[in-house]
């Protein structure tokens, strides 16, 4: 598995902790930065990381900023990206079960390292529900995406 990671200055430390865990599990990480805690613009890092997921260059993405919503707002502008902000493990499971999200967004100012790691584990190890009801719902969201979003080249 290949995971795109991106962050802003507020998310650098937590991103690095998550990255270390992922690599220890044998997961390849493509780190789009930023790499320090100097003030920066989140979109400079989340946008190319989201494109990598949308193009299939990475299987999933994990983006970390101060609150998580900035990353999700940017990522969800890209065709084929289904980013979810998760602040606990139950939300992480639901984001995979019910929506088949392919990007996890975390808020480093909102959650601590231990909870963040449990969220990452829950999100990574939860498969989407494939019964008719949930597949129909996910397919409807994908239809809306395909109807209104420009394909990624």
Protein backbone atom coordinates (compact mmCIF):
# COMPACT_ATOMS: atom_id res chain seq x y z
CA UNK A 1 0.00 0.00 0.00
CA UNK A 2 1.15 3.52 -0.81
CA UNK A 3 -0.11 6.45 1.25
CA UNK A 4 0.21 10.13 0.34
CA UNK A 5 0.82 12.34 3.35
CA UNK A 6 0.56 16.12 3.53
CA UNK A 7 0.40 18.72 6.26
CA UNK A 8 0.81 22.33 7.19
CA UNK A 9 3.03 23.76 9.92
CA UNK A 10 0.52 22.81 12.64
CA UNK A 11 0.51 19.19 11.53
CA UNK A 12 4.22 18.51 11.00
CA UNK A 13 4.95 16.79 14.30
CA UNK A 14 1.87 14.55 14.21
CA UNK A 15 2.38 13.72 10.54
CA UNK A 16 5.91 12.59 11.33
CA UNK A 17 4.65 10.33 14.12
CA UNK A 18 2.03 8.78 11.84
CA UNK A 19 4.57 8.40 9.05
CA UNK A 20 6.95 6.56 11.38
CA UNK A 21 4.15 4.17 12.39
CA UNK A 22 3.07 3.53 8.78
CA UNK A 23 6.62 2.80 7.68
CA UNK A 24 7.09 0.41 10.62
CA UNK A 25 4.05 -1.47 9.29
CA UNK A 26 5.67 -1.80 5.86
CA UNK A 27 3.48 0.85 4.25
CA UNK A 28 5.16 3.08 1.70
CA UNK A 29 4.67 6.78 2.46
CA UNK A 30 4.93 9.53 -0.13
CA UNK A 31 5.47 12.70 1.91
CA UNK A 32 4.35 15.87 0.14
CA UNK A 33 5.41 18.10 3.08
CA UNK A 34 5.68 20.49 4.65
CA UNK A 35 8.68 19.35 6.62
CA UNK A 36 8.96 21.93 9.39
CA UNK A 37 6.78 24.16 11.56
CA UNK A 38 7.31 27.40 9.63
CA UNK A 39 4.04 29.05 8.65
CA UNK A 40 2.88 27.88 5.22
CA UNK A 41 -0.15 27.51 2.98
CA UNK A 42 -1.85 24.15 3.41
CA UNK A 43 -3.04 23.95 -0.20
CA UNK A 44 0.56 23.90 -1.45
CA UNK A 45 0.92 20.43 0.08
CA UNK A 46 -2.57 18.93 0.21
CA UNK A 47 -3.37 19.70 -3.44
CA UNK A 48 -0.50 17.65 -4.96
CA UNK A 49 -1.03 14.86 -2.41
CA UNK A 50 -4.74 14.68 -3.27
CA UNK A 51 -3.90 14.61 -6.97
CA UNK A 52 -1.58 11.65 -6.35
CA UNK A 53 -4.47 9.74 -4.76
CA UNK A 54 -6.93 10.76 -7.49
CA UNK A 55 -4.51 9.65 -10.23
CA UNK A 56 -3.93 6.30 -8.52
CA UNK A 57 -0.27 7.05 -7.81
CA UNK A 58 -1.10 6.50 -4.12
CA UNK A 59 -3.80 4.22 -2.73
CA UNK A 60 -4.97 6.54 0.05
CA UNK A 61 -4.06 9.79 1.75
CA UNK A 62 -3.61 11.00 5.30
CA UNK A 63 -3.49 14.77 5.72
CA UNK A 64 -2.80 16.62 8.98
CA UNK A 65 -3.40 20.28 9.71
CA UNK A 66 -4.48 22.23 12.77
CA UNK A 67 -8.12 21.17 12.76
CA UNK A 68 -8.48 18.80 9.77
CA UNK A 69 -11.20 20.69 7.95
CA UNK A 70 -8.82 22.76 5.82
CA UNK A 71 -7.30 19.61 4.37
CA UNK A 72 -10.72 18.09 3.72
CA UNK A 73 -12.02 21.22 2.01
CA UNK A 74 -9.04 21.32 -0.33
CA UNK A 75 -8.91 17.58 -1.02
CA UNK A 76 -12.63 17.26 -1.70
CA UNK A 77 -12.31 19.71 -4.60
CA UNK A 78 -10.47 16.99 -6.55
CA UNK A 79 -12.42 14.49 -8.64
CA UNK A 80 -12.34 11.07 -7.01
CA UNK A 81 -11.28 12.24 -3.57
CA UNK A 82 -13.55 11.38 -0.66
CA UNK A 83 -11.90 13.00 2.36
CA UNK A 84 -13.27 12.63 5.87
CA UNK A 85 -12.29 14.47 9.04
CA UNK A 86 -12.16 12.04 11.93
CA UNK A 87 -11.72 12.88 15.60
CA UNK A 88 -12.29 9.41 17.07
CA UNK A 89 -12.07 5.78 16.03
CA UNK A 90 -15.82 5.36 15.59
CA UNK A 91 -15.90 8.18 13.03
CA UNK A 92 -12.91 6.62 11.28
CA UNK A 93 -14.72 3.29 10.99
CA UNK A 94 -17.88 4.97 9.74
CA UNK A 95 -15.89 6.98 7.19
CA UNK A 96 -14.69 3.72 5.71
CA UNK A 97 -17.82 1.58 6.25
CA UNK A 98 -20.39 4.02 4.95
CA UNK A 99 -18.51 6.26 2.50
CA UNK A 100 -15.42 4.30 1.41
CA UNK A 101 -13.34 7.43 2.08
CA UNK A 102 -9.89 7.40 0.51
CA UNK A 103 -8.43 10.33 2.46
CA UNK A 104 -8.26 10.73 6.23
CA UNK A 105 -7.92 14.26 7.61
CA UNK A 106 -6.76 14.88 11.16
CA UNK A 107 -6.55 17.97 13.32
CA UNK A 108 -3.30 18.11 15.28
CA UNK A 109 -4.65 20.88 17.52
CA UNK A 110 -7.80 18.87 18.28
CA UNK A 111 -6.62 15.34 19.03
CA UNK A 112 -3.56 13.96 20.81
CA UNK A 113 -0.99 11.59 19.38
CA UNK A 114 -2.37 8.44 21.01
CA UNK A 115 -5.90 9.02 19.74
CA UNK A 116 -4.57 10.01 16.32
CA UNK A 117 -2.71 6.73 16.03
CA UNK A 118 -5.81 4.74 16.98
CA UNK A 119 -7.83 6.69 14.41
CA UNK A 120 -5.26 5.92 11.72
CA UNK A 121 -5.29 2.22 12.62
CA UNK A 122 -9.10 2.06 12.62
CA UNK A 123 -9.36 3.88 9.30
CA UNK A 124 -6.66 1.78 7.61
CA UNK A 125 -8.02 -1.55 8.82
CA UNK A 126 -11.72 -0.98 8.16
CA UNK A 127 -13.13 -2.11 4.84
CA UNK A 128 -16.21 -0.48 3.31
CA UNK A 129 -19.53 -2.23 3.76
CA UNK A 130 -20.34 -3.86 0.47
CA UNK A 131 -23.97 -4.80 0.95
CA UNK A 132 -26.50 -3.40 -1.50
CA UNK A 133 -27.65 -0.47 0.66
CA UNK A 134 -24.19 1.01 1.27
CA UNK A 135 -22.85 0.25 -2.21
CA UNK A 136 -25.90 2.08 -3.66
CA UNK A 137 -25.22 5.10 -1.45
CA UNK A 138 -21.52 5.23 -2.27
CA UNK A 139 -22.30 4.83 -5.96
CA UNK A 140 -24.71 7.79 -5.83
CA UNK A 141 -22.01 10.01 -4.35
CA UNK A 142 -19.59 8.85 -7.07
CA UNK A 143 -22.21 9.66 -9.71
CA UNK A 144 -22.51 13.21 -8.34
CA UNK A 145 -18.73 13.48 -8.34
CA UNK A 146 -18.48 12.29 -11.93
CA UNK A 147 -21.27 14.58 -13.09
CA UNK A 148 -19.85 17.78 -11.62
CA UNK A 149 -16.09 17.34 -11.23
CA UNK A 150 -13.54 17.61 -14.00
CA UNK A 151 -11.58 14.39 -14.51
CA UNK A 152 -8.02 14.48 -13.19
CA UNK A 153 -5.34 14.16 -15.86
